[in-house]
């Protein structure tokens, strides 16, 4: 079975938090049968004021070190994912890394970046964060960046983006957007989670959602278990997103993990939960990874 995860912050931890112990390791990925792990280049928590491009370059250098010393293997297309072999896909979290420049978009594309979360919790040249509460949509410069991303078939990631920006992408972007690490607001009322209308729209538009494993996005009391991850996936499936949902763990970017899903080796436990809920093996294969690969086919990627 192909298993894909669309978000972890391991490179930031490796580069800028060297005293922390990452849970995303080659050992854990192999133990969990991970086929494709997306590692993000994170802009950092202070936005445009704190050298986000330089942080991304430090994280990329950390990835190069992992390639040289621990056998991490980068892919240039998500469709290179295969069962029995761990591959790494790169993403960006915080569009301020692009510095409003289409040249920067090309630079990161050339480094292997295939998706970009347009914001983190800070406003930037592209748009506004969900945390901000802003009612403003994508900025004019943001559309310039988005057009260039679409030309490169780089996915526009709405996780952390405000609702106005989300609906702009649904209604106006030439490519279907995705949410790399977001949960369902109907089950946990947090500003970072997607409403049922957003989930339905993402499925109708041909997008994709990776369910986040952060306990406080899964349950308001934070007392989450692996069953809660399955519950959020099931909720999205019931809304019509059975072909548009999968895993977006946020490992190494969250301060705690659900009981029973503490690192990538435990990801198959989510599938066991869904299996007990009556999901077929075909449906489980879709959720595990095939839905994500099909999303990139809709963006125009081919084998």
Protein backbone atom coordinates (compact mmCIF):
# COMPACT_ATOMS: atom_id res chain seq x y z
CA UNK A 1 0.00 0.00 0.00
CA UNK A 2 1.27 3.49 -0.85
CA UNK A 3 1.17 5.75 2.23
CA UNK A 4 1.65 9.51 1.90
CA UNK A 5 1.91 12.25 4.51
CA UNK A 6 1.71 15.83 3.30
CA UNK A 7 3.23 17.82 6.16
CA UNK A 8 5.98 17.62 8.74
CA UNK A 9 8.33 20.27 10.18
CA UNK A 10 11.32 17.99 10.60
CA UNK A 11 13.70 20.12 8.53
CA UNK A 12 13.01 23.20 10.66
CA UNK A 13 13.67 21.14 13.78
CA UNK A 14 16.87 19.69 12.32
CA UNK A 15 18.19 23.08 11.19
CA UNK A 16 16.98 25.51 13.84
CA UNK A 17 16.04 23.44 16.91
CA UNK A 18 19.02 21.06 17.08
CA UNK A 19 18.41 20.14 20.73
CA UNK A 20 14.98 18.69 19.91
CA UNK A 21 14.58 15.02 18.98
CA UNK A 22 12.58 14.57 15.75
CA UNK A 23 9.97 11.85 15.51
CA UNK A 24 10.22 11.72 11.71
CA UNK A 25 13.24 9.49 11.19
CA UNK A 26 14.08 7.02 8.47
CA UNK A 27 13.63 4.22 10.98
CA UNK A 28 10.11 5.35 11.88
CA UNK A 29 9.13 6.02 8.27
CA UNK A 30 10.24 2.56 7.19
CA UNK A 31 8.48 0.93 10.15
CA UNK A 32 5.22 2.67 9.19
CA UNK A 33 5.47 1.74 5.53
CA UNK A 34 5.71 5.39 4.50
CA UNK A 35 6.05 5.85 0.76
CA UNK A 36 6.07 9.62 0.51
CA UNK A 37 6.80 12.02 3.36
CA UNK A 38 6.37 15.71 2.62
CA UNK A 39 8.90 17.85 4.49
CA UNK A 40 8.22 21.56 4.57
CA UNK A 41 10.58 24.51 4.45
CA UNK A 42 9.02 26.67 7.17
CA UNK A 43 9.25 30.47 7.09
CA UNK A 44 9.49 30.70 10.87
CA UNK A 45 7.04 32.19 13.34
CA UNK A 46 7.84 35.88 12.84
CA UNK A 47 6.89 36.19 9.20
CA UNK A 48 8.46 38.68 6.81
CA UNK A 49 10.43 40.43 9.55
CA UNK A 50 12.69 37.51 10.41
CA UNK A 51 14.51 36.44 7.23
CA UNK A 52 12.18 33.64 6.10
CA UNK A 53 14.19 32.96 2.94
CA UNK A 54 17.36 32.45 4.96
CA UNK A 55 15.54 30.06 7.29
CA UNK A 56 14.30 28.07 4.30
CA UNK A 57 17.85 27.84 2.96
CA UNK A 58 19.10 26.56 6.33
CA UNK A 59 16.38 23.91 6.26
CA UNK A 60 17.25 22.94 2.71
CA UNK A 61 20.88 22.54 3.78
CA UNK A 62 19.68 20.25 6.60
CA UNK A 63 17.84 18.18 4.01
CA UNK A 64 20.93 17.92 1.84
CA UNK A 65 22.80 16.65 4.90
CA UNK A 66 20.12 14.00 5.47
CA UNK A 67 20.47 12.94 1.85
CA UNK A 68 24.21 12.52 2.26
CA UNK A 69 24.29 10.90 5.69
CA UNK A 70 21.00 9.05 6.19
CA UNK A 71 19.85 8.16 2.70
CA UNK A 72 16.86 10.48 2.45
CA UNK A 73 15.78 10.52 -1.20
CA UNK A 74 14.07 13.51 -2.81
CA UNK A 75 11.51 13.10 -5.59
CA UNK A 76 10.69 15.70 -8.21
CA UNK A 77 7.17 14.36 -8.72
CA UNK A 78 4.76 12.96 -6.13
CA UNK A 79 3.94 10.27 -8.65
CA UNK A 80 7.36 8.74 -7.99
CA UNK A 81 5.96 7.37 -4.72
CA UNK A 82 6.01 3.61 -4.55
CA UNK A 83 5.29 0.93 -2.01
CA UNK A 84 8.29 -0.30 -0.04
CA UNK A 85 10.53 2.73 -0.55
CA UNK A 86 10.61 5.97 1.45
CA UNK A 87 10.73 9.11 -0.70
CA UNK A 88 10.74 12.77 0.35
CA UNK A 89 8.72 15.55 -1.28
CA UNK A 90 9.48 19.18 -0.42
CA UNK A 91 6.99 21.95 0.32
CA UNK A 92 6.98 25.53 1.58
CA UNK A 93 5.05 26.77 4.63
CA UNK A 94 4.66 30.55 4.65
CA UNK A 95 4.59 32.23 1.25
CA UNK A 96 6.77 35.06 2.57
CA UNK A 97 9.65 32.74 1.68
CA UNK A 98 8.99 33.75 -1.95
CA UNK A 99 9.50 37.43 -1.06
CA UNK A 100 6.80 38.37 -3.58
CA UNK A 101 9.07 37.24 -6.41
CA UNK A 102 8.21 34.88 -9.25
CA UNK A 103 11.93 34.21 -9.53
CA UNK A 104 11.87 32.82 -6.00
CA UNK A 105 8.95 30.56 -6.97
CA UNK A 106 11.08 29.15 -9.78
CA UNK A 107 14.07 28.80 -7.48
CA UNK A 108 12.16 26.67 -5.00
CA UNK A 109 10.54 24.69 -7.78
CA UNK A 110 14.02 23.89 -9.09
CA UNK A 111 14.91 22.68 -5.58
CA UNK A 112 12.00 20.23 -5.69
CA UNK A 113 9.19 22.16 -3.96
CA UNK A 114 5.82 21.00 -5.27
CA UNK A 115 3.38 22.67 -2.88
CA UNK A 116 3.29 25.92 -0.96
CA UNK A 117 1.19 26.89 2.05
CA UNK A 118 0.45 30.50 1.16
CA UNK A 119 0.57 31.74 4.75
CA UNK A 120 1.47 30.55 8.20
CA UNK A 121 0.03 32.64 11.05
CA UNK A 122 1.30 35.90 9.60
CA UNK A 123 0.16 38.24 6.85
CA UNK A 124 2.47 38.34 3.84
CA UNK A 125 2.58 39.54 0.23
CA UNK A 126 0.13 36.80 -0.82
CA UNK A 127 -2.66 37.00 1.73
CA UNK A 128 -3.86 36.79 5.33
CA UNK A 129 -3.78 34.02 7.91
CA UNK A 130 -6.72 32.23 9.50
CA UNK A 131 -5.41 33.38 12.87
CA UNK A 132 -5.68 37.04 11.86
CA UNK A 133 -9.46 37.01 11.45
CA UNK A 134 -9.06 39.19 8.34
CA UNK A 135 -11.94 39.27 5.87
CA UNK A 136 -9.67 40.27 2.99
CA UNK A 137 -8.84 37.83 0.23
CA UNK A 138 -5.80 37.12 -1.89
CA UNK A 139 -3.72 40.22 -2.54
CA UNK A 140 -2.88 41.44 -6.07
CA UNK A 141 0.73 40.28 -5.73
CA UNK A 142 -0.58 36.98 -4.44
CA UNK A 143 -2.37 36.35 -7.71
CA UNK A 144 0.88 36.95 -9.59
CA UNK A 145 2.57 34.33 -7.42
CA UNK A 146 -0.36 31.93 -7.78
CA UNK A 147 -0.39 32.21 -11.57
CA UNK A 148 3.29 31.29 -11.64
CA UNK A 149 2.71 28.38 -9.25
CA UNK A 150 -0.10 27.10 -11.48
CA UNK A 151 2.12 27.29 -14.55
CA UNK A 152 4.62 25.07 -12.71
CA UNK A 153 1.85 22.78 -11.37
CA UNK A 154 2.87 23.70 -7.81
CA UNK A 155 -0.07 23.09 -5.47
CA UNK A 156 -1.63 26.03 -3.61
CA UNK A 157 -1.99 24.95 0.02
CA UNK A 158 -4.74 26.65 2.04
CA UNK A 159 -3.76 25.35 5.48
CA UNK A 160 -3.32 28.48 7.66
CA UNK A 161 -5.02 30.71 5.04
CA UNK A 162 -8.06 32.76 6.07
CA UNK A 163 -11.52 31.91 4.76
CA UNK A 164 -11.69 34.82 2.32
CA UNK A 165 -8.45 33.65 0.75
CA UNK A 166 -9.71 30.06 0.71
CA UNK A 167 -12.85 31.00 -1.19
CA UNK A 168 -10.83 33.13 -3.59
CA UNK A 169 -8.83 30.04 -4.49
CA UNK A 170 -11.93 27.88 -4.85
CA UNK A 171 -13.63 30.43 -7.08
CA UNK A 172 -10.78 32.01 -9.03
CA UNK A 173 -7.60 29.94 -9.03
CA UNK A 174 -6.95 27.98 -12.22
CA UNK A 175 -5.90 24.88 -10.28
CA UNK A 176 -7.77 23.08 -7.47
CA UNK A 177 -6.25 24.00 -4.09
CA UNK A 178 -5.36 21.65 -1.25
CA UNK A 179 -5.02 21.78 2.52
CA UNK A 180 -1.93 19.89 3.60
CA UNK A 181 -2.66 19.71 7.34
CA UNK A 182 -6.18 20.71 8.43
CA UNK A 183 -9.01 19.10 10.40
CA UNK A 184 -12.81 19.41 10.54
CA UNK A 185 -14.24 22.36 12.46
CA UNK A 186 -17.55 20.57 13.05
CA UNK A 187 -15.66 18.13 15.29
CA UNK A 188 -13.27 20.65 16.87
CA UNK A 189 -14.10 24.35 16.73
CA UNK A 190 -10.68 25.85 16.00
CA UNK A 191 -9.93 28.65 13.52
CA UNK A 192 -7.38 26.42 11.78
CA UNK A 193 -9.96 23.79 10.92
CA UNK A 194 -12.17 23.63 7.84
CA UNK A 195 -15.92 24.13 7.93
CA UNK A 196 -18.21 21.56 6.35
CA UNK A 197 -18.85 23.99 3.49
CA UNK A 198 -15.11 24.28 2.87
CA UNK A 199 -14.68 20.50 2.92
CA UNK A 200 -17.53 20.03 0.44
CA UNK A 201 -16.10 22.77 -1.79
CA UNK A 202 -12.64 21.24 -1.73
CA UNK A 203 -14.06 17.90 -2.86
CA UNK A 204 -16.27 19.47 -5.55
CA UNK A 205 -13.37 21.55 -6.88
CA UNK A 206 -11.09 18.51 -7.10
CA UNK A 207 -8.84 19.51 -4.21
CA UNK A 208 -7.35 17.48 -1.39
CA UNK A 209 -7.19 17.59 2.44
CA UNK A 210 -4.58 16.05 4.74
CA UNK A 211 -5.98 15.55 8.24
CA UNK A 212 -3.73 17.07 10.91
CA UNK A 213 -2.72 14.93 13.91
CA UNK A 214 -2.41 17.81 16.41
CA UNK A 215 -4.53 16.81 19.44
CA UNK A 216 -5.94 20.33 19.91
CA UNK A 217 -7.18 20.38 16.30
CA UNK A 218 -8.76 16.96 16.79
CA UNK A 219 -10.47 17.59 20.14
CA UNK A 220 -11.06 20.82 21.99
CA UNK A 221 -9.76 19.28 25.22
CA UNK A 222 -6.65 17.99 23.46
CA UNK A 223 -7.15 14.45 24.75
CA UNK A 224 -6.97 12.88 21.34
CA UNK A 225 -6.19 9.32 20.33
CA UNK A 226 -5.65 7.69 16.98
CA UNK A 227 -9.41 7.12 16.88
CA UNK A 228 -9.94 10.89 16.67
CA UNK A 229 -7.81 11.08 13.53
CA UNK A 230 -10.02 8.38 12.01
CA UNK A 231 -13.12 10.29 13.12
CA UNK A 232 -12.04 13.44 11.27
CA UNK A 233 -11.24 11.43 8.13
CA UNK A 234 -14.60 9.66 8.37
CA UNK A 235 -16.41 12.99 8.81
CA UNK A 236 -14.82 14.34 5.63
CA UNK A 237 -15.68 11.16 3.75
CA UNK A 238 -19.32 11.52 4.81
CA UNK A 239 -19.29 15.01 3.30
CA UNK A 240 -18.24 13.68 -0.10
CA UNK A 241 -14.46 13.86 0.28
CA UNK A 242 -13.74 10.11 0.28
CA UNK A 243 -11.55 10.60 -2.83
CA UNK A 244 -10.05 13.83 -1.52
CA UNK A 245 -8.71 13.08 1.98
CA UNK A 246 -5.62 11.57 3.52
CA UNK A 247 -2.87 12.24 6.08
CA UNK A 248 -1.19 15.56 6.95
CA UNK A 249 0.42 14.70 10.25
CA UNK A 250 2.29 17.92 11.19
CA UNK A 251 4.81 15.71 13.00
CA UNK A 252 7.71 17.67 14.50
CA UNK A 253 5.64 20.83 14.24
CA UNK A 254 3.22 19.96 17.05
CA UNK A 255 4.00 19.98 20.74
CA UNK A 256 2.18 16.72 21.46
CA UNK A 257 0.74 13.80 19.52
CA UNK A 258 -2.39 11.66 19.81
CA UNK A 259 -2.19 8.55 21.94
CA UNK A 260 -1.50 5.68 19.56
CA UNK A 261 -0.02 7.82 16.77
CA UNK A 262 3.18 9.26 18.15
CA UNK A 263 5.37 9.01 15.04
CA UNK A 264 5.25 7.73 11.43
CA UNK A 265 5.62 4.10 12.50
CA UNK A 266 2.12 4.31 14.01
CA UNK A 267 0.31 5.71 10.94
CA UNK A 268 -1.05 2.26 9.93
CA UNK A 269 -3.03 2.31 13.19
CA UNK A 270 -5.27 4.97 11.62
CA UNK A 271 -6.08 2.58 8.81
CA UNK A 272 -6.88 -0.12 11.37
CA UNK A 273 -9.36 2.27 13.02
CA UNK A 274 -11.04 2.97 9.69
CA UNK A 275 -11.05 -0.73 8.88
CA UNK A 276 -12.99 -1.37 12.09
CA UNK A 277 -15.46 1.30 10.96
CA UNK A 278 -16.18 -0.75 7.85
CA UNK A 279 -13.94 0.89 5.27
CA UNK A 280 -12.98 -1.41 2.41
CA UNK A 281 -9.36 -2.13 1.49
CA UNK A 282 -9.87 -0.12 -1.71
CA UNK A 283 -11.12 2.88 0.27
CA UNK A 284 -8.21 2.55 2.71
CA UNK A 285 -5.70 2.52 -0.16
CA UNK A 286 -7.27 5.74 -1.47
CA UNK A 287 -7.02 7.46 1.91
CA UNK A 288 -3.52 6.14 2.61
CA UNK A 289 -2.03 7.68 -0.50
CA UNK A 290 -3.77 7.18 -3.83
CA UNK A 291 -6.07 10.17 -3.31
CA UNK A 292 -3.03 12.40 -2.94
CA UNK A 293 -1.42 11.09 -6.11
CA UNK A 294 -4.69 11.54 -8.01
CA UNK A 295 -4.80 15.16 -6.84
CA UNK A 296 -1.44 15.79 -8.51
CA UNK A 297 -2.71 14.13 -11.67
CA UNK A 298 -5.50 16.70 -11.66
CA UNK A 299 -2.82 19.40 -11.50
CA UNK A 300 -1.36 17.97 -14.69
CA UNK A 301 1.40 15.69 -13.42
CA UNK A 302 1.88 12.46 -15.36
CA UNK A 303 3.73 9.23 -14.68
